[in-house]
Amino acid sequence: MASLSLERFIDKSPEHPCDLLVVGGGITGCCLAYEAASRGLSVLLVEKGDFGGATSSATSKLIHGGLRYLKNLEFGLVRESLRERRIWENIAPNFVHPLPFVVPSYDREKTARLMLGLGMNLYEWLSYDKQDTWDPEKSLPGFRMVDLEHALRLAPGLRPERLEGAAIYYDCQNSNPERMTLAFLKSAVKLGAKAANRAELVELVREDGRLREALVRDSLGGGLHRIRFRAVANCAGPWVDAVARMASPGQDGPVAHPKRSEGIHLITRPLSGDHAIAMATPQGRHIMVLPWRGHSLIGTTDKPFEGQPDDYRVSRASIQELLDEINQNFGHQALAYGDVLAAYGGLRPLVDQEGDSYNASRRYEILDGRTHGAPGMLTVEGGKFTTSRQLAANALDRLAELLGEDLGESYTDKKFLATSHIPDMATFREGLARAFPWAAAQTLSLLANDYGTQAYELLALPKENPRWAEPLGPHGEIEAQVVFALRHEQALTLEDLLLRRTGLAALGHPGRAVLERVAELAADWLGWSAQEVQRQVDEADSRLRLP
């Protein structure tokens, strides 16, 4: 598995040539790096923060078709999303799992139940190939309508007043978006791509009127690195306009004023059974209560954000607004601020400039820089997590035009991700349990999902040091995950370890003792001084506390 270890290429040399420089290490950038490497291009990816650290980590943890987009008549987007949902079930079976949804029908409108049934039938028709999964465990049942009593048995948290019944349908849950983003990056690295986090693009240089070179600052070491490329892809998400301005200063092009939308989510105690609940509010929005790791995940908001993305933080006011909305529409027992165990949020970059952010399209655009004063650049705007792989495949077709050469056809829909070669998840889980009988069932389940085939390598680490088998809290994580992240996954800060490699802080602040133990392990690998350990712990402690 050594070929899947991530190493910062900027640590090796100050100059780096490549065919394609990808700017941005979220799901879009990592998918594009994988797609480009699969077509034989040399690829470098730079990310100014951490891989999957911004918008990609702020999702509802779903791989879904987008049922609500039907009301906007976006049939093409829904069909593409449903096709990609099936593909992701196939190529990433450890991350993507069937999830039943309950959609309640209330008598606010006489036609509500009829319209719900029509929408479900259309959604079912658009997902006509959902049974074509490599692993039968991933096959999704069809929808059905149930009466009031059945709906309350499946989702006891629903308000019963004026409830007529519900629709039951299936989409998929993404068990860990941050690690799934990392799995795409590892797939790219296995094919020869190289990546660096904490590496910020600071300048783009032209030669003969075309972008040919980038200057990248190492945020840790402080040095500047020169990267020569044949093409550059702007996958910077909420920062897409900043990169565009760098490419064509003074130009007021199509990405100069992007629309950004804030979406936040809350983690609470479990509020309803093992079915997700998706509700339409009287105001015309939708809100979800999702089962996740023994807790409830509540989301999401959709509010315009006008500030600078670097300044974005989840606010107390945003948390309270979402609490008020869930209390008005769900359950009998109101949730108080103190019931929130964790909150996270991010900024969605939207293509649609018209209307409000909630109704804005989640489609994407791929722009050739020759049309807006940035020859040599592709810019990716918009999109949703579920369609990122297809977006990348389409971008490579545009890149072929830009480079003037044949880059072949995409095959990423036909191959397991590098850490996900698992034809049968049930058999895989059984084999993992037999190989490591000392591991708790909760730990085995967590590692099987989040690490796929690399779970074997991780669970072998305690042979070096038995202490690494010890738990780091009540949710199944063990010390070996920290060691694995430090050795193989380019984790460079305590927040990287807690939020995006191990998930130790995904369900709330794990306690200062856990922070100190993880920092102690990191100090041995990263050479932190006692002062740096204290700084990392204090910063993480502050970051993980609710506002």
Protein backbone atom coordinates (compact mmCIF):
# COMPACT_ATOMS: atom_id res chain seq x y z
CA MET A 1 0.00 0.00 0.00
CA ALA A 2 3.04 2.32 0.02
CA SER A 3 2.02 3.65 -3.40
CA LEU A 4 -1.09 5.17 -1.76
CA SER A 5 0.86 7.25 0.75
CA LEU A 6 0.48 10.99 0.25
CA GLU A 7 3.68 13.04 0.25
CA ARG A 8 3.94 16.80 -0.22
CA PHE A 9 5.75 17.15 -3.52
CA ILE A 10 6.85 20.69 -2.62
CA ASP A 11 9.04 19.20 0.12
CA LYS A 12 11.20 17.53 -2.53
CA SER A 13 12.21 20.34 -4.89
CA PRO A 14 11.48 24.06 -5.53
CA GLU A 15 10.55 23.53 -9.21
CA HIS A 16 7.98 21.17 -10.64
CA PRO A 17 6.83 20.69 -14.27
CA CYS A 18 3.51 19.03 -15.13
CA ASP A 19 0.84 18.74 -17.79
CA LEU A 20 -1.97 19.90 -15.50
CA LEU A 21 -1.89 21.95 -12.32
CA VAL A 22 -5.09 21.56 -10.29
CA VAL A 23 -5.79 24.42 -7.87
CA GLY A 24 -8.09 23.25 -5.08
CA GLY A 25 -8.15 19.99 -3.13
CA GLY A 26 -11.87 19.57 -2.55
CA ILE A 27 -13.92 16.81 -4.15
CA THR A 28 -13.93 18.57 -7.55
CA GLY A 29 -10.16 19.03 -7.63
CA CYS A 30 -9.43 15.51 -6.40
CA CYS A 31 -11.83 13.97 -8.93
CA LEU A 32 -10.23 16.03 -11.70
CA ALA A 33 -6.73 14.98 -10.61
CA TYR A 34 -7.81 11.33 -10.71
CA GLU A 35 -9.50 11.67 -14.09
CA ALA A 36 -6.51 13.47 -15.61
CA ALA A 37 -4.02 10.95 -14.22
CA SER A 38 -6.17 8.12 -15.56
CA ARG A 39 -5.83 9.65 -19.06
CA GLY A 40 -2.03 9.64 -18.84
CA LEU A 41 -1.35 13.26 -17.86
CA SER A 42 1.20 14.30 -15.27
CA VAL A 43 -0.77 16.09 -12.55
CA LEU A 44 0.08 18.30 -9.60
CA LEU A 45 -2.58 19.43 -7.12
CA VAL A 46 -2.18 22.28 -4.65
CA GLU A 47 -4.55 23.11 -1.81
CA LYS A 48 -4.07 26.17 0.38
CA GLY A 49 -5.77 24.54 3.35
CA ASP A 50 -6.34 20.83 3.82
CA PHE A 51 -7.78 18.32 1.38
CA GLY A 52 -11.57 18.31 1.62
CA GLY A 53 -11.38 20.99 4.29
CA ALA A 54 -13.95 23.51 3.06
CA THR A 55 -17.18 22.95 1.11
CA SER A 56 -16.50 19.23 0.61
CA SER A 57 -16.57 18.66 4.36
CA ALA A 58 -19.82 20.58 4.84
CA THR A 59 -22.28 18.30 3.05
CA SER A 60 -25.39 16.47 4.25
CA LYS A 61 -23.36 13.25 3.87
CA LEU A 62 -25.53 12.06 1.01
CA ILE A 63 -24.99 10.71 -2.48
CA HIS A 64 -28.38 11.47 -3.97
CA GLY A 65 -30.34 12.30 -7.07
CA GLY A 66 -31.76 15.56 -5.81
CA LEU A 67 -35.46 14.85 -5.48
CA ARG A 68 -36.26 18.49 -4.79
CA TYR A 69 -34.71 19.63 -8.09
CA LEU A 70 -37.65 18.05 -9.91
CA LYS A 71 -39.85 20.97 -8.93
CA ASN A 72 -37.50 23.22 -10.93
CA LEU A 73 -37.82 20.82 -13.90
CA GLU A 74 -34.08 20.06 -13.80
CA PHE A 75 -34.57 16.57 -15.20
CA GLY A 76 -31.09 16.41 -16.73
CA LEU A 77 -29.39 17.23 -13.43
CA VAL A 78 -31.50 14.69 -11.55
CA ARG A 79 -30.85 11.96 -14.11
CA GLU A 80 -27.10 12.65 -14.06
CA SER A 81 -27.10 12.58 -10.27
CA LEU A 82 -29.02 9.30 -10.12
CA ARG A 83 -26.66 7.68 -12.61
CA GLU A 84 -23.66 8.89 -10.59
CA ARG A 85 -25.26 7.62 -7.38
CA ARG A 86 -25.24 4.10 -8.86
CA ILE A 87 -21.66 4.52 -10.13
CA TRP A 88 -20.44 5.68 -6.71
CA GLU A 89 -22.15 2.70 -5.08
CA ASN A 90 -20.09 0.54 -7.44
CA ILE A 91 -16.67 2.21 -7.34
CA ALA A 92 -16.75 3.27 -3.66
CA PRO A 93 -18.84 0.61 -1.89
CA ASN A 94 -17.32 1.22 1.54
CA PHE A 95 -18.38 4.88 1.51
CA VAL A 96 -21.81 4.77 -0.15
CA HIS A 97 -24.69 2.94 1.53
CA PRO A 98 -28.44 2.69 0.85
CA LEU A 99 -30.49 4.92 3.14
CA PRO A 100 -34.31 4.83 3.44
CA PHE A 101 -36.13 8.16 3.52
CA VAL A 102 -39.54 9.01 4.92
CA VAL A 103 -41.25 11.97 3.23
CA PRO A 104 -44.36 12.86 5.26
CA SER A 105 -47.50 14.15 3.59
CA TYR A 106 -49.56 16.68 5.55
CA ASP A 107 -52.92 18.08 4.52
CA ARG A 108 -51.67 21.65 4.14
CA GLU A 109 -52.77 21.31 0.51
CA LYS A 110 -55.43 18.99 -0.82
CA THR A 111 -53.17 17.90 -3.67
CA ALA A 112 -50.04 17.35 -1.56
CA ARG A 113 -50.29 13.56 -1.41
CA LEU A 114 -51.07 13.33 -5.12
CA MET A 115 -48.10 15.55 -6.05
CA LEU A 116 -45.82 13.55 -3.75
CA GLY A 117 -46.80 10.33 -5.49
CA LEU A 118 -46.27 11.86 -8.93
CA GLY A 119 -42.84 13.16 -7.91
CA MET A 120 -41.84 9.77 -6.56
CA ASN A 121 -42.93 8.02 -9.75
CA LEU A 122 -40.86 10.42 -11.83
CA TYR A 123 -37.83 9.99 -9.55
CA GLU A 124 -38.23 6.23 -9.83
CA TRP A 125 -38.43 6.42 -13.62
CA LEU A 126 -35.29 8.58 -13.84
CA SER A 127 -33.39 6.02 -11.72
CA TYR A 128 -34.32 3.11 -14.01
CA ASP A 129 -30.80 1.60 -13.79
CA LYS A 130 -30.48 1.66 -9.99
CA GLN A 131 -30.49 -2.14 -9.76
CA ASP A 132 -27.30 -2.41 -11.86
CA THR A 133 -24.95 -2.51 -8.88
CA TRP A 134 -21.86 -4.71 -8.66
CA ASP A 135 -22.69 -5.67 -5.08
CA PRO A 136 -26.32 -6.82 -4.59
CA GLU A 137 -26.18 -5.26 -1.10
CA LYS A 138 -26.22 -1.86 -2.82
CA SER A 139 -29.40 -2.42 -4.83
CA LEU A 140 -32.10 0.12 -3.93
CA PRO A 141 -35.75 -0.89 -3.45
CA GLY A 142 -38.55 1.01 -5.15
CA PHE A 143 -40.63 3.64 -3.39
CA ARG A 144 -43.96 2.97 -1.72
CA MET A 145 -46.71 5.02 -0.09
CA VAL A 146 -47.72 4.21 3.50
CA ASP A 147 -50.50 5.34 5.81
CA LEU A 148 -50.23 7.49 8.93
CA GLU A 149 -49.70 4.62 11.40
CA HIS A 150 -46.95 3.06 9.29
CA ALA A 151 -45.24 6.42 8.86
CA LEU A 152 -45.15 7.00 12.63
CA ARG A 153 -43.73 3.53 13.26
CA LEU A 154 -40.86 4.22 10.85
CA ALA A 155 -40.31 7.80 11.98
CA PRO A 156 -41.70 8.29 15.49
CA GLY A 157 -40.33 11.81 15.63
CA LEU A 158 -42.84 13.12 13.10
CA ARG A 159 -45.59 15.46 14.18
CA PRO A 160 -48.82 13.42 13.93
CA GLU A 161 -51.17 16.41 13.66
CA ARG A 162 -52.69 16.55 10.16
CA LEU A 163 -50.30 13.80 8.97
CA GLU A 164 -51.93 11.79 6.19
CA GLY A 165 -49.16 9.32 5.41
CA ALA A 166 -45.74 9.24 3.81
CA ALA A 167 -43.66 8.10 0.89
CA ILE A 168 -40.73 5.74 1.55
CA TYR A 169 -37.90 5.86 -0.94
CA TYR A 170 -34.14 5.19 -1.02
CA ASP A 171 -31.12 7.35 -1.71
CA CYS A 172 -27.58 6.81 -0.41
CA GLN A 173 -25.56 8.02 2.53
CA ASN A 174 -21.90 8.98 2.25
CA SER A 175 -20.41 7.75 5.50
CA ASN A 176 -17.41 10.13 5.41
CA PRO A 177 -17.16 12.83 2.69
CA GLU A 178 -13.72 13.98 3.88
CA ARG A 179 -12.22 10.52 3.58
CA MET A 180 -14.03 9.87 0.31
CA THR A 181 -12.39 13.02 -1.09
CA LEU A 182 -9.09 11.62 0.14
CA ALA A 183 -9.84 8.30 -1.59
CA PHE A 184 -10.14 10.07 -4.94
CA LEU A 185 -6.84 11.82 -4.29
CA LYS A 186 -5.19 8.51 -3.38
CA SER A 187 -6.56 7.04 -6.61
CA ALA A 188 -4.90 9.89 -8.49
CA VAL A 189 -1.62 9.41 -6.60
CA LYS A 190 -1.62 5.71 -7.40
CA LEU A 191 -1.64 6.70 -11.09
CA GLY A 192 1.27 9.11 -10.65
CA ALA A 193 -0.34 12.39 -9.56
CA LYS A 194 1.27 14.43 -6.78
CA ALA A 195 -0.35 16.71 -4.23
CA ALA A 196 0.45 19.22 -1.52
CA ASN A 197 -1.79 20.72 1.13
CA ARG A 198 -0.90 23.94 2.95
CA ALA A 199 0.35 25.12 -0.46
CA GLU A 200 -1.22 28.40 -1.60
CA LEU A 201 -1.26 29.70 -5.14
CA VAL A 202 0.05 33.31 -5.06
CA GLU A 203 0.76 34.14 -8.71
CA LEU A 204 0.08 32.96 -12.24
CA VAL A 205 2.61 33.87 -14.93
CA ARG A 206 2.06 34.19 -18.69
CA GLU A 207 4.39 33.43 -21.53
CA ASP A 208 3.48 34.54 -25.04
CA GLY A 209 0.02 35.47 -23.83
CA ARG A 210 -0.77 32.10 -22.25
CA LEU A 211 -0.69 30.98 -18.60
CA ARG A 212 2.37 28.77 -18.20
CA GLU A 213 3.65 29.01 -14.65
CA ALA A 214 2.49 29.29 -11.05
CA LEU A 215 4.14 30.43 -7.89
CA VAL A 216 3.01 28.50 -4.82
CA ARG A 217 3.82 29.40 -1.23
CA ASP A 218 4.49 26.68 1.32
CA SER A 219 2.33 27.82 4.23
CA LEU A 220 4.41 25.75 6.65
CA GLY A 221 7.97 26.32 5.43
CA GLY A 222 7.37 29.71 3.89
CA GLY A 223 9.26 29.00 0.66
CA LEU A 224 8.06 29.75 -2.87
CA HIS A 225 7.79 26.96 -5.44
CA ARG A 226 7.68 27.37 -9.20
CA ILE A 227 5.34 25.06 -11.15
CA ARG A 228 5.38 25.00 -14.94
CA PHE A 229 2.32 23.55 -16.61
CA ARG A 230 0.64 23.07 -19.95
CA ALA A 231 -2.76 23.86 -18.45
CA VAL A 232 -4.19 24.90 -15.08
CA ALA A 233 -7.60 23.99 -13.64
CA ASN A 234 -9.32 26.41 -11.26
CA CYS A 235 -11.22 24.16 -8.83
CA ALA A 236 -11.09 26.57 -5.91
CA GLY A 237 -14.78 26.39 -5.00
CA PRO A 238 -15.78 29.49 -3.00
CA TRP A 239 -12.40 31.02 -3.93
CA VAL A 240 -12.88 30.50 -7.68
CA ASP A 241 -13.11 34.26 -8.30
CA ALA A 242 -9.84 34.95 -6.48
CA VAL A 243 -7.98 32.50 -8.72
CA ALA A 244 -9.75 33.90 -11.79
CA ARG A 245 -8.61 37.44 -10.91
CA MET A 246 -5.07 36.14 -10.49
CA ALA A 247 -5.26 34.67 -14.00
CA SER A 248 -6.68 37.77 -15.66
CA PRO A 249 -6.19 40.90 -13.50
CA GLY A 250 -8.64 43.68 -14.21
CA GLN A 251 -11.00 41.49 -16.23
CA ASP A 252 -14.63 41.45 -15.13
CA GLY A 253 -15.27 37.98 -16.50
CA PRO A 254 -18.01 35.38 -15.88
CA VAL A 255 -16.54 34.25 -12.55
CA ALA A 256 -15.72 37.67 -11.14
CA HIS A 257 -18.82 37.85 -8.91
CA PRO A 258 -19.89 34.33 -7.88
CA LYS A 259 -22.94 33.68 -5.75
CA ARG A 260 -22.11 31.91 -2.50
CA SER A 261 -24.61 30.15 -0.27
CA GLU A 262 -24.08 29.18 3.36
CA GLY A 263 -25.23 25.73 4.44
CA ILE A 264 -24.90 24.52 8.02
CA HIS A 265 -25.69 21.23 9.76
CA LEU A 266 -26.18 20.23 13.38
CA ILE A 267 -25.36 16.99 15.22
CA THR A 268 -27.69 16.03 18.08
CA ARG A 269 -28.77 12.98 20.02
CA PRO A 270 -30.82 10.52 17.93
CA LEU A 271 -34.25 12.02 17.25
CA SER A 272 -35.89 9.31 15.14
CA GLY A 273 -35.27 5.75 13.97
CA ASP A 274 -32.97 4.42 11.27
CA HIS A 275 -34.89 6.17 8.47
CA ALA A 276 -33.95 9.63 7.24
CA ILE A 277 -36.77 12.17 7.26
CA ALA A 278 -37.12 14.80 4.55
CA MET A 279 -39.79 17.42 5.14
CA ALA A 280 -41.11 20.35 3.15
CA THR A 281 -41.68 23.38 5.36
CA PRO A 282 -44.66 25.74 4.99
CA GLN A 283 -42.16 28.31 3.66
CA GLY A 284 -41.32 26.02 0.72
CA ARG A 285 -37.90 24.86 1.89
CA HIS A 286 -36.88 21.34 2.77
CA ILE A 287 -35.22 20.13 5.94
CA MET A 288 -33.77 16.72 6.79
CA VAL A 289 -33.15 14.67 9.91
CA LEU A 290 -30.63 11.96 9.02
CA PRO A 291 -29.37 9.03 11.11
CA TRP A 292 -25.58 9.12 11.23
CA ARG A 293 -23.21 7.22 13.53
CA GLY A 294 -25.85 6.73 16.21
CA HIS A 295 -26.81 10.40 16.21
CA SER A 296 -29.05 12.72 14.18
CA LEU A 297 -27.69 15.03 11.51
CA ILE A 298 -29.97 18.01 10.86
CA GLY A 299 -29.69 20.17 7.78
CA THR A 300 -29.45 22.24 5.88
CA THR A 301 -29.69 26.00 5.57
CA ASP A 302 -29.32 27.90 2.32
CA LYS A 303 -28.55 31.58 2.83
CA PRO A 304 -26.65 34.05 0.63
CA PHE A 305 -23.17 34.86 1.92
CA GLU A 306 -21.66 38.19 0.91
CA GLY A 307 -18.35 38.25 2.79
CA GLN A 308 -14.93 36.82 2.04
CA PRO A 309 -14.75 33.01 2.18
CA ASP A 310 -11.60 33.14 4.34
CA ASP A 311 -13.65 34.90 7.03
CA TYR A 312 -16.53 32.41 7.09
CA ARG A 313 -17.43 30.74 10.38
CA VAL A 314 -20.62 29.10 11.63
CA SER A 315 -22.37 31.67 13.81
CA ARG A 316 -24.56 31.25 16.86
CA ALA A 317 -27.33 33.04 14.98
CA SER A 318 -27.18 30.52 12.11
CA ILE A 319 -27.36 27.62 14.55
CA GLN A 320 -30.35 29.15 16.31
CA GLU A 321 -32.15 29.76 13.01
CA LEU A 322 -31.82 26.10 12.08
CA LEU A 323 -32.94 25.05 15.56
CA ASP A 324 -36.01 27.27 15.25
CA GLU A 325 -36.85 25.77 11.87
CA ILE A 326 -36.53 22.16 13.03
CA ASN A 327 -38.56 22.91 16.17
CA GLN A 328 -41.35 24.43 14.07
CA ASN A 329 -41.56 21.47 11.71
CA PHE A 330 -40.52 18.32 13.54
CA GLY A 331 -41.24 16.45 16.74
CA HIS A 332 -42.84 17.32 20.03
CA GLN A 333 -39.81 18.08 22.18
CA ALA A 334 -38.07 21.32 21.26
CA LEU A 335 -34.32 21.25 20.81
CA ALA A 336 -32.38 23.82 22.81
CA TYR A 337 -28.99 25.26 21.95
CA GLY A 338 -27.45 23.02 24.59
CA ASP A 339 -28.70 19.94 22.72
CA VAL A 340 -26.36 20.65 19.81
CA LEU A 341 -23.27 18.46 20.08
CA ALA A 342 -21.53 19.81 16.98
CA ALA A 343 -22.19 22.21 14.13
CA TYR A 344 -20.43 22.60 10.82
CA GLY A 345 -20.95 24.70 7.74
CA GLY A 346 -19.56 25.72 4.41
CA LEU A 347 -20.10 27.88 1.35
CA ARG A 348 -21.58 26.53 -1.86
CA PRO A 349 -20.38 28.23 -5.05
CA LEU A 350 -23.45 28.57 -7.31
CA VAL A 351 -23.61 29.04 -11.05
CA ASP A 352 -27.17 30.39 -11.09
CA GLN A 353 -27.07 34.14 -10.50
CA GLU A 354 -30.83 34.68 -10.62
CA GLY A 355 -33.29 34.42 -7.72
CA ASP A 356 -32.62 33.22 -4.19
CA SER A 357 -29.84 30.79 -3.27
CA TYR A 358 -32.21 28.02 -2.17
CA ASN A 359 -33.79 27.73 -5.62
CA ALA A 360 -30.50 28.30 -7.48
CA SER A 361 -29.44 25.40 -9.68
CA ARG A 362 -26.80 22.92 -8.48
CA ARG A 363 -25.59 22.42 -12.05
CA TYR A 364 -21.97 23.11 -12.95
CA GLU A 365 -20.12 24.96 -15.68
CA ILE A 366 -16.68 24.34 -17.19
CA LEU A 367 -15.25 27.54 -18.67
CA ASP A 368 -12.37 27.74 -21.15
CA GLY A 369 -10.15 30.64 -20.15
CA ARG A 370 -9.74 31.69 -23.76
CA THR A 371 -13.25 33.17 -23.53
CA HIS A 372 -12.46 35.47 -20.58
CA GLY A 373 -8.84 36.52 -20.80
CA ALA A 374 -7.19 33.50 -19.15
CA PRO A 375 -5.84 31.28 -21.98
CA GLY A 376 -4.45 28.03 -20.60
CA MET A 377 -6.98 27.80 -17.75
CA LEU A 378 -10.12 25.75 -17.20
CA THR A 379 -12.45 27.09 -14.53
CA VAL A 380 -15.01 24.85 -12.82
CA GLU A 381 -18.00 26.53 -11.19
CA GLY A 382 -20.87 25.09 -9.19
CA GLY A 383 -21.82 21.45 -9.02
CA LYS A 384 -22.65 19.09 -6.19
CA PHE A 385 -20.66 16.35 -4.49
CA THR A 386 -22.62 13.58 -6.22
CA THR A 387 -21.81 14.77 -9.76
CA SER A 388 -18.10 15.52 -9.18
CA ARG A 389 -16.80 12.45 -10.99
CA GLN A 390 -18.85 13.17 -14.13
CA LEU A 391 -17.86 16.83 -13.92
CA ALA A 392 -14.21 15.76 -13.98
CA ALA A 393 -14.77 13.50 -16.98
CA ASN A 394 -16.44 16.37 -18.85
CA ALA A 395 -13.61 18.72 -17.87
CA LEU A 396 -11.06 16.35 -19.38
CA ASP A 397 -12.92 16.49 -22.68
CA ARG A 398 -12.63 20.29 -22.56
CA LEU A 399 -8.97 19.99 -21.59
CA ALA A 400 -8.35 17.83 -24.64
CA GLU A 401 -9.68 20.69 -26.77
CA LEU A 402 -7.51 23.21 -24.92
CA LEU A 403 -4.36 21.08 -25.38
CA GLY A 404 -5.29 20.08 -28.90
CA GLU A 405 -4.80 16.36 -28.40
CA ASP A 406 -6.77 13.16 -27.92
CA LEU A 407 -6.93 12.17 -24.26
CA GLY A 408 -9.10 9.10 -24.79
CA GLU A 409 -12.31 8.15 -23.03
CA SER A 410 -13.10 8.14 -19.34
CA TYR A 411 -13.04 4.80 -17.52
CA THR A 412 -13.29 6.01 -13.91
CA ASP A 413 -16.88 4.77 -13.77
CA LYS A 414 -15.68 1.21 -14.36
CA LYS A 415 -12.89 0.91 -11.77
CA PHE A 416 -12.97 0.69 -7.99
CA LEU A 417 -11.30 3.59 -6.21
CA ALA A 418 -7.80 2.71 -5.05
CA THR A 419 -8.89 1.92 -1.46
CA SER A 420 -12.28 0.48 -2.39
CA HIS A 421 -11.67 -2.72 -4.35
CA ILE A 422 -14.41 -4.56 -2.45
CA PRO A 423 -16.74 -6.66 -4.60
CA ASP A 424 -18.84 -7.71 -1.60
CA MET A 425 -19.04 -5.52 1.52
CA ALA A 426 -20.53 -8.25 3.72
CA THR A 427 -17.69 -10.65 2.91
CA PHE A 428 -15.16 -7.86 3.40
CA ARG A 429 -16.48 -7.05 6.88
CA GLU A 430 -16.42 -10.73 7.85
CA GLY A 431 -12.83 -11.10 6.68
CA LEU A 432 -11.72 -8.03 8.61
CA ALA A 433 -13.33 -9.35 11.80
CA ARG A 434 -11.60 -12.72 11.40
CA ALA A 435 -8.21 -11.11 10.79
CA PHE A 436 -8.42 -8.80 13.83
CA PRO A 437 -10.51 -10.51 16.53
CA TRP A 438 -9.16 -8.13 19.17
CA ALA A 439 -10.87 -5.11 17.58
CA ALA A 440 -14.29 -3.97 18.86
CA ALA A 441 -17.22 -4.37 16.48
CA GLN A 442 -17.75 -0.60 16.46
CA THR A 443 -14.12 -0.04 15.47
CA LEU A 444 -14.24 -2.65 12.71
CA SER A 445 -17.41 -1.15 11.25
CA LEU A 446 -15.98 2.36 11.32
CA LEU A 447 -12.67 1.37 9.73
CA ALA A 448 -14.27 -0.85 7.08
CA ASN A 449 -16.34 2.12 5.90
CA ASP A 450 -13.80 4.91 6.23
CA TYR A 451 -10.61 3.13 5.10
CA GLY A 452 -11.78 0.33 2.84
CA THR A 453 -8.95 -2.04 1.96
CA GLN A 454 -6.44 0.09 3.88
CA ALA A 455 -8.17 -0.97 7.10
CA TYR A 456 -5.97 -4.07 7.03
CA GLU A 457 -2.81 -1.98 6.97
CA LEU A 458 -4.10 0.31 9.71
CA LEU A 459 -5.15 -2.53 12.02
CA ALA A 460 -1.71 -4.11 11.66
CA LEU A 461 -0.04 -1.06 13.23
CA PRO A 462 -0.57 -2.17 16.86
CA LYS A 463 1.93 -4.96 16.20
CA GLU A 464 4.56 -2.20 16.35
CA ASN A 465 3.10 -0.63 19.49
CA PRO A 466 0.20 -2.29 21.37
CA ARG A 467 -0.89 1.08 22.75
CA TRP A 468 -2.02 2.10 19.27
CA ALA A 469 -4.92 -0.36 19.61
CA GLU A 470 -6.36 1.68 22.48
CA PRO A 471 -9.63 3.58 21.92
CA LEU A 472 -9.70 7.37 21.69
CA GLY A 473 -13.22 7.86 23.00
CA PRO A 474 -16.56 6.05 22.91
CA HIS A 475 -17.25 6.00 19.16
CA GLY A 476 -14.79 3.38 17.91
CA GLU A 477 -11.71 5.40 16.92
CA ILE A 478 -8.30 4.05 17.96
CA GLU A 479 -4.82 5.55 18.20
CA ALA A 480 -3.63 3.66 15.11
CA GLN A 481 -5.77 5.97 12.96
CA VAL A 482 -3.71 8.94 14.10
CA VAL A 483 -0.45 7.14 13.39
CA PHE A 484 -1.72 6.06 9.95
CA ALA A 485 -2.76 9.62 9.07
CA LEU A 486 0.62 11.00 10.09
CA ARG A 487 2.59 8.40 8.14
CA HIS A 488 0.50 8.09 5.00
CA GLU A 489 -2.11 10.87 4.69
CA GLN A 490 -0.32 14.21 4.85
CA ALA A 491 -1.96 15.26 8.12
CA LEU A 492 -0.06 18.36 9.22
CA THR A 493 -2.17 19.95 11.97
CA LEU A 494 -4.20 18.75 14.91
CA GLU A 495 -7.39 19.87 13.14
CA ASP A 496 -6.45 17.76 10.10
CA LEU A 497 -6.26 14.73 12.37
CA LEU A 498 -9.41 15.42 14.40
CA LEU A 499 -11.78 16.59 11.65
CA ARG A 500 -10.67 15.11 8.33
CA ARG A 501 -8.58 11.98 8.92
CA THR A 502 -9.99 10.21 11.99
CA GLY A 503 -13.37 11.90 12.55
CA LEU A 504 -12.61 12.06 16.27
CA ALA A 505 -14.33 15.46 16.47
CA ALA A 506 -17.17 14.70 14.04
CA LEU A 507 -19.67 14.08 16.83
CA GLY A 508 -18.57 17.01 18.96
CA HIS A 509 -15.64 18.06 21.09
CA PRO A 510 -13.94 14.81 22.20
CA GLY A 511 -12.47 16.38 25.34
CA ARG A 512 -9.16 18.08 25.99
CA ALA A 513 -7.50 14.82 27.07
CA VAL A 514 -8.09 13.36 23.60
CA LEU A 515 -6.73 16.53 21.97
CA GLU A 516 -3.60 16.30 24.09
CA ARG A 517 -3.05 12.60 23.31
CA VAL A 518 -3.45 13.12 19.57
CA ALA A 519 -1.13 16.14 19.71
CA GLU A 520 1.42 14.01 21.59
CA LEU A 521 1.37 11.42 18.80
CA ALA A 522 1.65 14.15 16.17
CA ALA A 523 4.56 15.81 17.94
CA ASP A 524 6.65 12.64 17.64
CA TRP A 525 6.08 12.49 13.88
CA LEU A 526 6.01 16.20 12.96
CA GLY A 527 8.70 17.34 15.39
CA TRP A 528 6.52 19.78 17.32
CA SER A 529 8.01 21.55 20.32
CA ALA A 530 6.16 21.69 23.62
CA GLN A 531 5.07 25.22 22.74
CA GLU A 532 3.73 24.08 19.35
CA VAL A 533 1.82 21.22 20.97
CA GLN A 534 0.18 23.70 23.33
CA ARG A 535 -0.67 26.05 20.46
CA GLN A 536 -2.21 23.26 18.39
CA VAL A 537 -4.28 22.02 21.33
CA ASP A 538 -5.51 25.51 22.22
CA GLU A 539 -6.47 26.29 18.61
CA ALA A 540 -8.30 22.98 18.15
CA ASP A 541 -10.03 23.36 21.51
CA SER A 542 -11.32 26.80 20.48
CA ARG A 543 -12.26 25.65 16.97
CA LEU A 544 -14.35 22.71 18.24
CA ARG A 545 -16.41 24.69 20.74
CA LEU A 546 -19.77 25.98 19.59
CA PRO A 547 -20.02 29.76 19.12
